[in-house]
Amino acid sequence: PGSSSSSSSSKDGQNHVQSAGSSGVDVGDGGAVLSRSKKNSPRPLEEVLAVMVEEADAGLPPGYINLDTVSKHLMAYPSRDKLLSELRAQGYAAARCHLDARAFRTNARMAEIVRACEVGLGIKPRATSPLVNT
């Protein structure tokens, strides 16, 4: 309600939806759902579907973790993709999240995520984090 949309082609030749809505999800021609990035630019349907397939792993619990939450326990902001690679290398299930470009899903607990950042990415935890030495 109260949202209008129009279709446009981009330089890459893919159709995207331009919308005045603020839901973060737009409906394109034929009902195709397109997500919007943090910079409010439309993401191609193929990209959104690829992320959704990745996060459909049965080993992943419901919900997601935003990197802002993780970074509160660390001295630096981790790269989402590098963190996911490290978690997978340590045997955890991990996937990007289609709802938020800075979020991910994993079966690792927060203390294990912080430890993966420290060991695998070289990012030290904050001394004030309750997860230090757990």
N, C-alpha and C. Protein backbone atom coordinates (compact mmCIF):
# COMPACT_ATOMS: atom_id res chain seq x y z
N PRO A 1 0.82 -1.19 0.00
CA PRO A 1 0.00 0.00 0.00
C PRO A 1 0.87 1.25 0.00
N GLY A 2 0.52 2.21 -0.82
CA GLY A 2 1.25 3.45 -0.83
C GLY A 2 2.60 3.35 -1.50
N SER A 3 2.87 2.29 -2.23
CA SER A 3 4.16 2.08 -2.86
C SER A 3 3.96 1.90 -4.34
N SER A 4 4.76 2.61 -5.13
CA SER A 4 4.69 2.42 -6.57
C SER A 4 6.00 1.85 -7.05
N SER A 5 5.95 1.15 -8.18
CA SER A 5 7.17 0.58 -8.70
C SER A 5 7.18 0.66 -10.20
N SER A 6 8.36 0.68 -10.78
CA SER A 6 8.52 0.65 -12.22
C SER A 6 9.73 -0.19 -12.54
N SER A 7 9.72 -0.80 -13.72
CA SER A 7 10.80 -1.67 -14.13
C SER A 7 11.79 -0.89 -14.98
N SER A 8 13.07 -1.21 -14.84
CA SER A 8 14.10 -0.57 -15.66
C SER A 8 15.20 -1.57 -15.94
N SER A 9 15.92 -1.33 -17.02
CA SER A 9 17.06 -2.18 -17.35
C SER A 9 18.33 -1.48 -16.93
N SER A 10 19.29 -2.24 -16.43
CA SER A 10 20.56 -1.66 -16.01
C SER A 10 21.61 -1.88 -17.08
N LYS A 11 22.81 -1.40 -16.84
CA LYS A 11 23.93 -1.56 -17.77
C LYS A 11 24.24 -3.02 -18.03
N ASP A 12 23.99 -3.89 -17.05
CA ASP A 12 24.30 -5.31 -17.22
C ASP A 12 23.19 -6.05 -17.98
N GLY A 13 22.16 -5.30 -18.42
CA GLY A 13 21.10 -5.90 -19.22
C GLY A 13 20.04 -6.63 -18.41
N GLN A 14 20.18 -6.65 -17.08
CA GLN A 14 19.20 -7.35 -16.25
C GLN A 14 18.12 -6.39 -15.83
N ASN A 15 16.91 -6.92 -15.71
CA ASN A 15 15.80 -6.10 -15.25
C ASN A 15 15.85 -5.97 -13.74
N HIS A 16 15.60 -4.78 -13.26
CA HIS A 16 15.56 -4.48 -11.84
C HIS A 16 14.27 -3.72 -11.58
N VAL A 17 13.88 -3.65 -10.35
CA VAL A 17 12.67 -2.93 -9.99
C VAL A 17 13.05 -1.71 -9.19
N GLN A 18 12.48 -0.59 -9.54
CA GLN A 18 12.65 0.64 -8.78
C GLN A 18 11.35 0.85 -8.02
N SER A 19 11.43 1.06 -6.71
CA SER A 19 10.22 1.17 -5.92
C SER A 19 10.34 2.25 -4.88
N ALA A 20 9.23 2.84 -4.56
CA ALA A 20 9.20 3.84 -3.50
C ALA A 20 8.92 3.19 -2.15
N GLY A 21 8.74 1.87 -2.13
CA GLY A 21 8.43 1.15 -0.89
C GLY A 21 9.64 1.09 0.02
N SER A 22 9.40 0.84 1.30
CA SER A 22 10.50 0.78 2.27
C SER A 22 10.63 -0.59 2.90
N SER A 23 9.97 -1.60 2.34
CA SER A 23 9.98 -2.93 2.94
C SER A 23 11.29 -3.66 2.71
N GLY A 24 12.11 -3.20 1.74
CA GLY A 24 13.34 -3.91 1.43
C GLY A 24 13.13 -5.00 0.40
N VAL A 25 11.90 -5.28 0.04
CA VAL A 25 11.60 -6.30 -0.96
C VAL A 25 10.61 -5.68 -1.96
N ASP A 26 10.89 -5.87 -3.23
CA ASP A 26 10.03 -5.33 -4.26
C ASP A 26 9.49 -6.46 -5.11
N VAL A 27 8.33 -6.23 -5.70
CA VAL A 27 7.76 -7.21 -6.62
C VAL A 27 7.94 -6.68 -8.03
N GLY A 28 8.64 -7.46 -8.85
CA GLY A 28 8.90 -7.06 -10.22
C GLY A 28 7.84 -7.60 -11.15
N ASP A 29 8.07 -7.44 -12.44
CA ASP A 29 7.14 -7.94 -13.45
C ASP A 29 6.93 -9.43 -13.26
N GLY A 30 5.71 -9.87 -13.33
CA GLY A 30 5.40 -11.29 -13.19
C GLY A 30 5.51 -11.78 -11.76
N GLY A 31 5.60 -10.87 -10.78
CA GLY A 31 5.66 -11.27 -9.39
C GLY A 31 7.03 -11.68 -8.90
N ALA A 32 8.10 -11.44 -9.68
CA ALA A 32 9.45 -11.80 -9.25
C ALA A 32 9.87 -10.91 -8.09
N VAL A 33 10.35 -11.51 -7.02
CA VAL A 33 10.74 -10.75 -5.84
C VAL A 33 12.20 -10.36 -5.94
N LEU A 34 12.47 -9.10 -5.74
CA LEU A 34 13.84 -8.59 -5.75
C LEU A 34 14.12 -7.95 -4.41
N SER A 35 15.28 -8.18 -3.88
CA SER A 35 15.70 -7.59 -2.62
C SER A 35 16.51 -6.34 -2.91
N ARG A 36 16.61 -5.47 -1.94
CA ARG A 36 17.41 -4.27 -2.12
C ARG A 36 18.62 -4.35 -1.21
N SER A 37 19.75 -3.86 -1.72
CA SER A 37 20.99 -3.86 -0.95
C SER A 37 20.97 -2.73 0.06
N LYS A 38 21.99 -2.66 0.91
CA LYS A 38 22.08 -1.60 1.91
C LYS A 38 22.21 -0.23 1.26
N LYS A 39 22.74 -0.16 0.05
CA LYS A 39 22.85 1.11 -0.66
C LYS A 39 21.56 1.42 -1.40
N ASN A 40 20.51 0.64 -1.13
CA ASN A 40 19.17 0.80 -1.68
C ASN A 40 19.13 0.59 -3.19
N SER A 41 20.10 -0.14 -3.72
CA SER A 41 20.03 -0.47 -5.14
C SER A 41 19.45 -1.87 -5.27
N PRO A 42 18.68 -2.11 -6.31
CA PRO A 42 18.06 -3.43 -6.46
C PRO A 42 19.09 -4.51 -6.74
N ARG A 43 18.82 -5.70 -6.23
CA ARG A 43 19.68 -6.86 -6.48
C ARG A 43 18.97 -7.76 -7.48
N PRO A 44 19.70 -8.30 -8.45
CA PRO A 44 19.07 -9.19 -9.42
C PRO A 44 18.46 -10.42 -8.74
N LEU A 45 17.36 -10.87 -9.29
CA LEU A 45 16.65 -12.02 -8.75
C LEU A 45 17.56 -13.23 -8.63
N GLU A 46 18.43 -13.45 -9.60
CA GLU A 46 19.33 -14.61 -9.58
C GLU A 46 20.25 -14.58 -8.36
N GLU A 47 20.72 -13.38 -7.98
CA GLU A 47 21.59 -13.25 -6.82
C GLU A 47 20.83 -13.56 -5.53
N VAL A 48 19.62 -13.05 -5.42
CA VAL A 48 18.81 -13.30 -4.23
C VAL A 48 18.50 -14.79 -4.10
N LEU A 49 18.13 -15.42 -5.22
CA LEU A 49 17.82 -16.85 -5.18
C LEU A 49 19.05 -17.69 -4.84
N ALA A 50 20.23 -17.30 -5.32
CA ALA A 50 21.46 -18.03 -4.99
C ALA A 50 21.73 -17.99 -3.49
N VAL A 51 21.51 -16.84 -2.88
CA VAL A 51 21.71 -16.71 -1.43
C VAL A 51 20.67 -17.55 -0.69
N MET A 52 19.44 -17.55 -1.17
CA MET A 52 18.37 -18.32 -0.52
C MET A 52 18.66 -19.82 -0.59
N VAL A 53 19.18 -20.28 -1.71
CA VAL A 53 19.55 -21.69 -1.85
C VAL A 53 20.67 -22.02 -0.87
N GLU A 54 21.65 -21.13 -0.77
CA GLU A 54 22.77 -21.34 0.16
C GLU A 54 22.28 -21.45 1.60
N GLU A 55 21.37 -20.60 1.99
CA GLU A 55 20.91 -20.59 3.38
C GLU A 55 19.83 -21.62 3.67
N ALA A 56 19.43 -22.39 2.67
CA ALA A 56 18.42 -23.44 2.88
C ALA A 56 19.03 -24.71 3.47
N ASP A 57 20.28 -24.68 3.87
CA ASP A 57 20.98 -25.82 4.48
C ASP A 57 20.21 -26.28 5.72
N ALA A 58 19.89 -27.56 5.75
CA ALA A 58 19.13 -28.12 6.88
C ALA A 58 19.91 -28.06 8.19
N GLY A 59 21.22 -27.91 8.13
CA GLY A 59 22.04 -27.83 9.34
C GLY A 59 22.04 -26.46 9.99
N LEU A 60 21.36 -25.50 9.38
CA LEU A 60 21.33 -24.14 9.92
C LEU A 60 20.07 -23.94 10.76
N PRO A 61 20.22 -23.38 11.95
CA PRO A 61 19.05 -23.10 12.79
C PRO A 61 18.29 -21.89 12.24
N PRO A 62 17.06 -21.68 12.68
CA PRO A 62 16.31 -20.49 12.25
C PRO A 62 16.99 -19.22 12.76
N GLY A 63 16.74 -18.13 12.10
CA GLY A 63 17.29 -16.84 12.52
C GLY A 63 18.62 -16.55 11.86
N TYR A 64 19.15 -15.35 12.14
CA TYR A 64 20.43 -14.96 11.58
C TYR A 64 21.17 -14.06 12.55
N ILE A 65 22.45 -13.85 12.28
CA ILE A 65 23.32 -13.02 13.12
C ILE A 65 23.85 -11.88 12.26
N ASN A 66 23.71 -10.67 12.74
CA ASN A 66 24.23 -9.51 12.04
C ASN A 66 25.68 -9.27 12.46
N LEU A 67 26.53 -8.87 11.51
CA LEU A 67 27.93 -8.61 11.83
C LEU A 67 28.10 -7.49 12.85
N ASP A 68 27.14 -6.58 12.93
CA ASP A 68 27.22 -5.53 13.95
C ASP A 68 27.22 -6.14 15.35
N THR A 69 26.43 -7.19 15.54
CA THR A 69 26.38 -7.88 16.83
C THR A 69 27.70 -8.57 17.13
N VAL A 70 28.27 -9.21 16.13
CA VAL A 70 29.57 -9.89 16.29
C VAL A 70 30.65 -8.88 16.61
N SER A 71 30.65 -7.76 15.89
CA SER A 71 31.72 -6.78 16.04
C SER A 71 31.74 -6.12 17.42
N LYS A 72 30.63 -6.19 18.14
CA LYS A 72 30.62 -5.64 19.51
C LYS A 72 31.56 -6.41 20.43
N HIS A 73 31.92 -7.63 20.04
CA HIS A 73 32.81 -8.46 20.84
C HIS A 73 34.25 -8.44 20.31
N LEU A 74 34.50 -7.67 19.23
CA LEU A 74 35.80 -7.70 18.57
C LEU A 74 36.42 -6.31 18.48
N MET A 75 37.72 -6.27 18.24
CA MET A 75 38.44 -5.01 18.09
C MET A 75 38.29 -4.43 16.67
N ALA A 76 37.85 -5.22 15.71
CA ALA A 76 37.68 -4.77 14.33
C ALA A 76 36.46 -5.46 13.73
N TYR A 77 35.96 -4.90 12.65
CA TYR A 77 34.79 -5.44 11.96
C TYR A 77 35.24 -6.54 11.00
N PRO A 78 34.73 -7.75 11.15
CA PRO A 78 35.16 -8.84 10.28
C PRO A 78 34.48 -8.81 8.91
N SER A 79 35.16 -9.36 7.92
CA SER A 79 34.55 -9.56 6.60
C SER A 79 33.59 -10.73 6.71
N ARG A 80 32.37 -10.53 6.26
CA ARG A 80 31.38 -11.60 6.34
C ARG A 80 31.84 -12.84 5.59
N ASP A 81 32.31 -12.66 4.37
CA ASP A 81 32.69 -13.81 3.54
C ASP A 81 33.89 -14.55 4.10
N LYS A 82 34.87 -13.82 4.65
CA LYS A 82 36.03 -14.47 5.26
C LYS A 82 35.62 -15.23 6.53
N LEU A 83 34.72 -14.63 7.30
CA LEU A 83 34.23 -15.30 8.51
C LEU A 83 33.48 -16.58 8.15
N LEU A 84 32.63 -16.52 7.13
CA LEU A 84 31.91 -17.72 6.72
C LEU A 84 32.87 -18.81 6.27
N SER A 85 33.89 -18.44 5.53
CA SER A 85 34.90 -19.42 5.09
C SER A 85 35.59 -20.06 6.29
N GLU A 86 35.93 -19.25 7.27
CA GLU A 86 36.60 -19.77 8.47
C GLU A 86 35.68 -20.68 9.27
N LEU A 87 34.43 -20.30 9.43
CA LEU A 87 33.49 -21.16 10.16
C LEU A 87 33.32 -22.50 9.45
N ARG A 88 33.20 -22.46 8.13
CA ARG A 88 33.09 -23.71 7.37
C ARG A 88 34.35 -24.56 7.51
N ALA A 89 35.51 -23.92 7.50
CA ALA A 89 36.78 -24.64 7.66
C ALA A 89 36.85 -25.32 9.02
N GLN A 90 36.20 -24.74 10.02
CA GLN A 90 36.18 -25.32 11.36
C GLN A 90 35.05 -26.34 11.53
N GLY A 91 34.30 -26.61 10.46
CA GLY A 91 33.29 -27.65 10.50
C GLY A 91 31.87 -27.19 10.79
N TYR A 92 31.66 -25.89 10.88
CA TYR A 92 30.31 -25.37 11.14
C TYR A 92 29.57 -25.15 9.83
N ALA A 93 28.26 -25.22 9.87
CA ALA A 93 27.45 -24.81 8.73
C ALA A 93 27.36 -23.29 8.79
N ALA A 94 27.50 -22.64 7.64
CA ALA A 94 27.45 -21.18 7.60
C ALA A 94 27.01 -20.74 6.21
N ALA A 95 26.15 -19.70 6.16
CA ALA A 95 25.64 -19.20 4.89
C ALA A 95 25.31 -17.72 5.00
N ARG A 96 25.34 -17.04 3.85
CA ARG A 96 24.90 -15.65 3.79
C ARG A 96 23.40 -15.61 4.08
N CYS A 97 22.89 -14.45 4.40
CA CYS A 97 21.47 -14.27 4.68
C CYS A 97 20.86 -13.35 3.63
N HIS A 98 19.75 -13.76 3.04
CA HIS A 98 19.12 -12.95 1.99
C HIS A 98 18.42 -11.71 2.54
N LEU A 99 18.17 -11.66 3.83
CA LEU A 99 17.44 -10.54 4.42
C LEU A 99 18.31 -9.32 4.69
N ASP A 100 19.61 -9.54 4.88
CA ASP A 100 20.51 -8.46 5.26
C ASP A 100 21.90 -8.78 4.72
N ALA A 101 22.47 -7.86 3.95
CA ALA A 101 23.79 -8.09 3.34
C ALA A 101 24.90 -8.20 4.39
N ARG A 102 24.66 -7.73 5.61
CA ARG A 102 25.68 -7.83 6.67
C ARG A 102 25.37 -8.94 7.66
N ALA A 103 24.50 -9.86 7.27
CA ALA A 103 24.09 -10.93 8.18
C ALA A 103 24.44 -12.29 7.60
N PHE A 104 24.43 -13.29 8.49
CA PHE A 104 24.71 -14.66 8.09
C PHE A 104 23.99 -15.60 9.02
N ARG A 105 23.94 -16.86 8.63
CA ARG A 105 23.34 -17.91 9.46
C ARG A 105 24.41 -18.95 9.73
N THR A 106 24.42 -19.48 10.93
CA THR A 106 25.39 -20.52 11.28
C THR A 106 24.87 -21.33 12.47
N ASN A 107 25.44 -22.53 12.62
CA ASN A 107 25.11 -23.33 13.79
C ASN A 107 26.15 -23.14 14.89
N ALA A 108 27.12 -22.24 14.67
CA ALA A 108 28.10 -21.92 15.71
C ALA A 108 27.50 -20.95 16.71
N ARG A 109 27.90 -21.10 17.98
CA ARG A 109 27.47 -20.16 19.01
C ARG A 109 28.33 -18.90 18.92
N MET A 110 27.89 -17.82 19.55
CA MET A 110 28.60 -16.55 19.46
C MET A 110 30.05 -16.68 19.95
N ALA A 111 30.28 -17.42 21.02
CA ALA A 111 31.65 -17.58 21.52
C ALA A 111 32.52 -18.28 20.46
N GLU A 112 31.94 -19.22 19.73
CA GLU A 112 32.68 -19.93 18.68
C GLU A 112 32.93 -19.01 17.48
N ILE A 113 32.01 -18.11 17.21
CA ILE A 113 32.18 -17.15 16.12
C ILE A 113 33.31 -16.18 16.47
N VAL A 114 33.31 -15.69 17.70
CA VAL A 114 34.37 -14.77 18.14
C VAL A 114 35.72 -15.48 18.10
N ARG A 115 35.75 -16.73 18.52
CA ARG A 115 37.00 -17.51 18.48
C ARG A 115 37.47 -17.71 17.04
N ALA A 116 36.55 -17.96 16.11
CA ALA A 116 36.91 -18.10 14.69
C ALA A 116 37.50 -16.80 14.15
N CYS A 117 36.97 -15.68 14.58
CA CYS A 117 37.52 -14.38 14.17
C CYS A 117 38.94 -14.20 14.70
N GLU A 118 39.15 -14.63 15.93
CA GLU A 118 40.47 -14.48 16.55
C GLU A 118 41.49 -15.41 15.91
N VAL A 119 41.15 -16.68 15.82
CA VAL A 119 42.09 -17.69 15.32
C VAL A 119 42.28 -17.61 13.81
N GLY A 120 41.17 -17.55 13.08
CA GLY A 120 41.25 -17.61 11.63
C GLY A 120 41.46 -16.29 10.93
N LEU A 121 40.94 -15.20 11.51
CA LEU A 121 41.02 -13.90 10.86
C LEU A 121 41.99 -12.95 11.54
N GLY A 122 42.50 -13.33 12.70
CA GLY A 122 43.45 -12.48 13.41
C GLY A 122 42.84 -11.25 14.05
N ILE A 123 41.55 -11.28 14.32
CA ILE A 123 40.87 -10.14 14.95
C ILE A 123 40.72 -10.44 16.43
N LYS A 124 41.34 -9.63 17.24
CA LYS A 124 41.33 -9.84 18.68
C LYS A 124 39.96 -9.49 19.29
N PRO A 125 39.53 -10.26 20.28
CA PRO A 125 38.28 -9.92 20.97
C PRO A 125 38.50 -8.73 21.92
N ARG A 126 37.45 -8.01 22.19
CA ARG A 126 37.53 -6.91 23.16
C ARG A 126 37.73 -7.50 24.55
N ALA A 127 38.55 -6.87 25.33
CA ALA A 127 38.80 -7.33 26.70
C ALA A 127 37.52 -7.27 27.54
N THR A 128 36.61 -6.40 27.16
CA THR A 128 35.36 -6.24 27.93
C THR A 128 34.27 -7.20 27.49
N SER A 129 34.53 -8.00 26.46
CA SER A 129 33.51 -8.93 25.97
C SER A 129 33.30 -10.05 26.98
N PRO A 130 32.05 -10.36 27.30
CA PRO A 130 31.77 -11.48 28.21
C PRO A 130 32.14 -12.83 27.60
N LEU A 131 32.44 -12.84 26.30
CA LEU A 131 32.76 -14.10 25.62
C LEU A 131 34.25 -14.43 25.67
N VAL A 132 35.06 -13.53 26.19
CA VAL A 132 36.50 -13.79 26.30
C VAL A 132 36.72 -14.86 27.35
N ASN A 133 37.55 -15.83 27.02
CA ASN A 133 37.88 -16.97 27.90
C ASN A 133 36.69 -17.88 28.17
N THR A 134 35.79 -18.02 27.18
CA THR A 134 34.68 -18.97 27.37
C THR A 134 34.91 -20.18 26.49
